[in-house]
Amino acid sequence: MSRLFVAVELPAAASTELARIQPPPADGVRLVEPYQMHVTLHFIGDADVERVAAALASVQAAVLPLTVEGVGQFPSEDGGVILWAGVQRSPALLGLHTAVVTALAGEGFRPEARAYIPHVTLARCEPGVAGGMVNEFLARHAGSRFRTCRPRGSDCAPSLAARRSTVSRTHSSRGAGAGGTA
């Protein structure tokens, strides 16, 4: 069994653009590598990879317009902060979100009770990271629009993936470990 989540992979151009707005490297700030950036649809938890992949095979993921705009923060369980770029809610994205739940229902999956906030995680800040850095990041990018994938562009066809979630703790600003993170 592995800790899994289901995600939409971002086009390389969108990930590269989002990497440009990440906060600067600092002690206690772990930046998400561009190749790991994605839009999480659902966190599954401990599950069998092969069974989840088989269930997801029925999900039709057509070209999906994604508009990445604004930034925000979530508190993390350990008292830190997760910084993210928002993804505009669209009928196509919400339909895909629902289709994943339907496909995984036979595997006993129950979605989280909290509201779905589509986003791309940019950085994880450990407890004690200066609030000024977080506030400056949020103020600088509030209301910004970073990238829109248009339905005509082949770079916007989603790659739906069940990823393993690996949580690594580090005190280095560049110490992101291998494996997907939500």
Protein backbone atom coordinates (compact mmCIF):
# COMPACT_ATOMS: atom_id res chain seq x y z
CA MET A 1 0.00 0.00 0.00
CA SER A 2 1.10 3.53 -0.78
CA ARG A 3 -0.19 6.97 0.19
CA LEU A 4 -1.78 8.17 -3.03
CA PHE A 5 -3.44 11.20 -4.51
CA VAL A 6 -4.95 11.88 -7.94
CA ALA A 7 -3.68 14.90 -9.84
CA VAL A 8 -3.72 16.71 -13.16
CA GLU A 9 -0.19 17.24 -14.42
CA LEU A 10 0.59 20.78 -15.55
CA PRO A 11 2.06 21.61 -18.95
CA ALA A 12 5.79 22.33 -18.67
CA ALA A 13 5.32 25.97 -19.71
CA ALA A 14 2.83 26.57 -16.88
CA SER A 15 5.12 24.94 -14.29
CA THR A 16 8.05 27.02 -15.49
CA GLU A 17 6.02 30.20 -15.20
CA LEU A 18 4.84 29.30 -11.69
CA ALA A 19 8.40 28.53 -10.60
CA ARG A 20 9.28 32.16 -11.38
CA ILE A 21 6.91 33.45 -8.71
CA GLN A 22 7.93 31.10 -5.92
CA PRO A 23 9.27 32.80 -2.81
CA PRO A 24 13.04 33.11 -2.63
CA PRO A 25 14.97 30.17 -1.17
CA ALA A 26 15.40 30.52 2.57
CA ASP A 27 15.96 28.38 5.64
CA GLY A 28 12.72 26.62 6.47
CA VAL A 29 11.21 27.15 3.01
CA ARG A 30 10.92 24.09 0.79
CA LEU A 31 10.15 24.96 -2.84
CA VAL A 32 8.21 22.53 -5.03
CA GLU A 33 10.25 21.56 -8.08
CA PRO A 34 8.52 22.50 -11.38
CA TYR A 35 8.35 18.86 -12.51
CA GLN A 36 6.36 18.07 -9.33
CA MET A 37 3.78 20.85 -9.78
CA HIS A 38 0.22 19.64 -10.35
CA VAL A 39 -3.42 20.29 -9.50
CA THR A 40 -4.54 17.78 -6.86
CA LEU A 41 -8.01 16.40 -7.52
CA HIS A 42 -8.28 14.08 -4.51
CA PHE A 43 -6.10 12.79 -1.72
CA ILE A 44 -6.76 9.05 -1.45
CA GLY A 45 -4.50 7.97 1.39
CA ASP A 46 -3.23 4.41 1.75
CA ALA A 47 -4.34 2.38 -1.25
CA ASP A 48 -3.16 -0.21 -3.74
CA VAL A 49 -1.62 1.55 -6.77
CA GLU A 50 -2.75 -1.05 -9.31
CA ARG A 51 -6.38 -1.04 -8.12
CA VAL A 52 -6.55 2.76 -8.13
CA ALA A 53 -4.98 2.93 -11.59
CA ALA A 54 -7.46 0.36 -12.92
CA ALA A 55 -10.39 2.32 -11.47
CA LEU A 56 -9.10 5.58 -12.95
CA ALA A 57 -8.82 4.02 -16.42
CA SER A 58 -12.55 4.66 -16.87
CA VAL A 59 -12.16 8.43 -16.33
CA GLN A 60 -12.26 10.40 -19.55
CA ALA A 61 -9.93 13.39 -19.28
CA ALA A 62 -10.51 15.62 -22.29
CA VAL A 63 -8.71 18.87 -22.99
CA LEU A 64 -9.06 20.86 -19.80
CA PRO A 65 -8.81 24.65 -19.72
CA LEU A 66 -6.90 25.75 -16.62
CA THR A 67 -6.53 29.33 -15.50
CA VAL A 68 -3.98 29.84 -12.74
CA GLU A 69 -4.63 33.07 -10.87
CA GLY A 70 -4.04 34.57 -7.47
CA VAL A 71 -2.20 33.05 -4.55
CA GLY A 72 -3.10 31.86 -1.09
CA GLN A 73 -1.99 29.91 1.93
CA PHE A 74 -3.14 26.92 3.94
CA PRO A 75 -1.98 26.19 7.47
CA SER A 76 -0.16 22.87 7.67
CA GLU A 77 -0.72 20.32 10.41
CA ASP A 78 2.66 21.06 11.98
CA GLY A 79 2.01 24.82 12.31
CA GLY A 80 3.75 25.82 9.11
CA VAL A 81 2.24 27.36 6.00
CA ILE A 82 1.68 26.02 2.48
CA LEU A 83 1.86 28.69 -0.24
CA TRP A 84 -0.09 28.06 -3.44
CA ALA A 85 -1.30 29.51 -6.73
CA GLY A 86 -5.04 29.24 -7.26
CA VAL A 87 -6.69 27.41 -10.14
CA GLN A 88 -9.96 28.87 -11.34
CA ARG A 89 -12.93 26.56 -10.76
CA SER A 90 -14.42 25.61 -14.11
CA PRO A 91 -17.17 23.18 -15.11
CA ALA A 92 -14.56 20.96 -16.81
CA LEU A 93 -12.30 20.81 -13.74
CA LEU A 94 -15.18 20.23 -11.33
CA GLY A 95 -16.56 17.56 -13.66
CA LEU A 96 -13.21 15.77 -13.62
CA HIS A 97 -13.09 16.11 -9.82
CA THR A 98 -16.51 14.39 -9.62
CA ALA A 99 -15.60 11.73 -12.21
CA VAL A 100 -12.64 10.64 -10.08
CA VAL A 101 -14.91 10.20 -7.03
CA THR A 102 -17.33 8.13 -9.10
CA ALA A 103 -14.55 5.96 -10.53
CA LEU A 104 -13.02 5.29 -7.11
CA ALA A 105 -16.29 4.69 -5.24
CA GLY A 106 -16.02 0.94 -5.96
CA GLU A 107 -12.67 0.95 -4.14
CA GLY A 108 -14.28 2.40 -1.02
CA PHE A 109 -12.94 5.92 -1.56
CA ARG A 110 -14.76 8.72 0.21
CA PRO A 111 -13.82 12.30 -0.68
CA GLU A 112 -12.73 14.79 1.96
CA ALA A 113 -15.57 16.70 3.60
CA ARG A 114 -13.87 20.09 3.21
CA ALA A 115 -14.54 22.24 0.16
CA TYR A 116 -12.37 21.60 -2.89
CA ILE A 117 -9.98 24.48 -3.53
CA PRO A 118 -8.09 23.80 -6.76
CA HIS A 119 -4.51 25.00 -6.45
CA VAL A 120 -0.86 24.33 -7.27
CA THR A 121 1.43 24.08 -4.25
CA LEU A 122 4.49 26.32 -4.67
CA ALA A 123 6.26 26.09 -1.31
CA ARG A 124 6.04 24.68 2.19
CA CYS A 125 7.17 26.89 5.03
CA GLU A 126 8.15 25.38 8.36
CA PRO A 127 6.76 26.80 11.59
CA GLY A 128 8.65 29.91 12.53
CA VAL A 129 9.36 31.13 8.99
CA ALA A 130 9.07 34.89 9.08
CA GLY A 131 5.46 35.97 8.60
CA GLY A 132 6.75 38.99 6.70
CA MET A 133 8.03 36.75 3.91
CA VAL A 134 4.68 34.99 3.64
CA ASN A 135 2.72 38.26 3.72
CA GLU A 136 5.01 39.87 1.13
CA PHE A 137 4.57 36.88 -1.21
CA LEU A 138 0.78 37.00 -0.84
CA ALA A 139 0.61 40.78 -1.37
CA ARG A 140 2.92 40.75 -4.39
CA HIS A 141 0.92 38.12 -6.28
CA ALA A 142 -2.65 38.75 -5.10
CA GLY A 143 -4.97 38.96 -8.10
CA SER A 144 -2.27 37.94 -10.58
CA ARG A 145 -3.13 35.74 -13.54
CA PHE A 146 -0.26 33.47 -14.50
CA ARG A 147 -1.30 31.06 -17.23
CA THR A 148 -4.39 30.00 -19.08
CA CYS A 149 -4.37 26.74 -20.98
CA ARG A 150 -6.82 27.10 -23.81
CA PRO A 151 -8.92 24.18 -25.09
CA ARG A 152 -7.31 24.42 -28.55
CA GLY A 153 -3.80 23.94 -27.20
CA SER A 154 -2.50 20.39 -27.05
CA ASP A 155 -0.41 21.40 -24.03
CA CYS A 156 -3.63 21.53 -22.02
CA ALA A 157 -4.75 17.94 -22.44
CA PRO A 158 -4.54 16.68 -18.87
CA SER A 159 -2.40 13.80 -17.82
CA LEU A 160 -4.36 12.24 -14.99
CA ALA A 161 -2.05 10.52 -12.53
CA ALA A 162 -2.27 8.59 -9.29
CA ARG A 163 0.87 9.68 -7.48
CA ARG A 164 2.61 8.44 -4.37
CA SER A 165 2.78 11.02 -1.65
CA THR A 166 6.15 11.23 0.04
CA VAL A 167 6.53 13.68 2.86
CA SER A 168 10.09 14.60 3.67
CA ARG A 169 11.16 16.98 6.40
CA THR A 170 14.15 19.15 5.84
CA HIS A 171 15.71 22.26 7.30
CA SER A 172 17.34 23.17 4.02
CA SER A 173 15.63 25.47 1.53
CA ARG A 174 16.49 23.13 -1.34
CA GLY A 175 15.88 19.78 0.31
CA ALA A 176 12.70 18.61 -1.47
CA GLY A 177 12.74 14.84 -1.59
CA ALA A 178 11.69 12.60 -4.44
CA GLY A 179 8.07 11.68 -4.88
CA GLY A 180 4.88 13.59 -5.43
CA THR A 181 3.46 15.89 -2.85
CA ALA A 182 0.02 17.39 -2.63
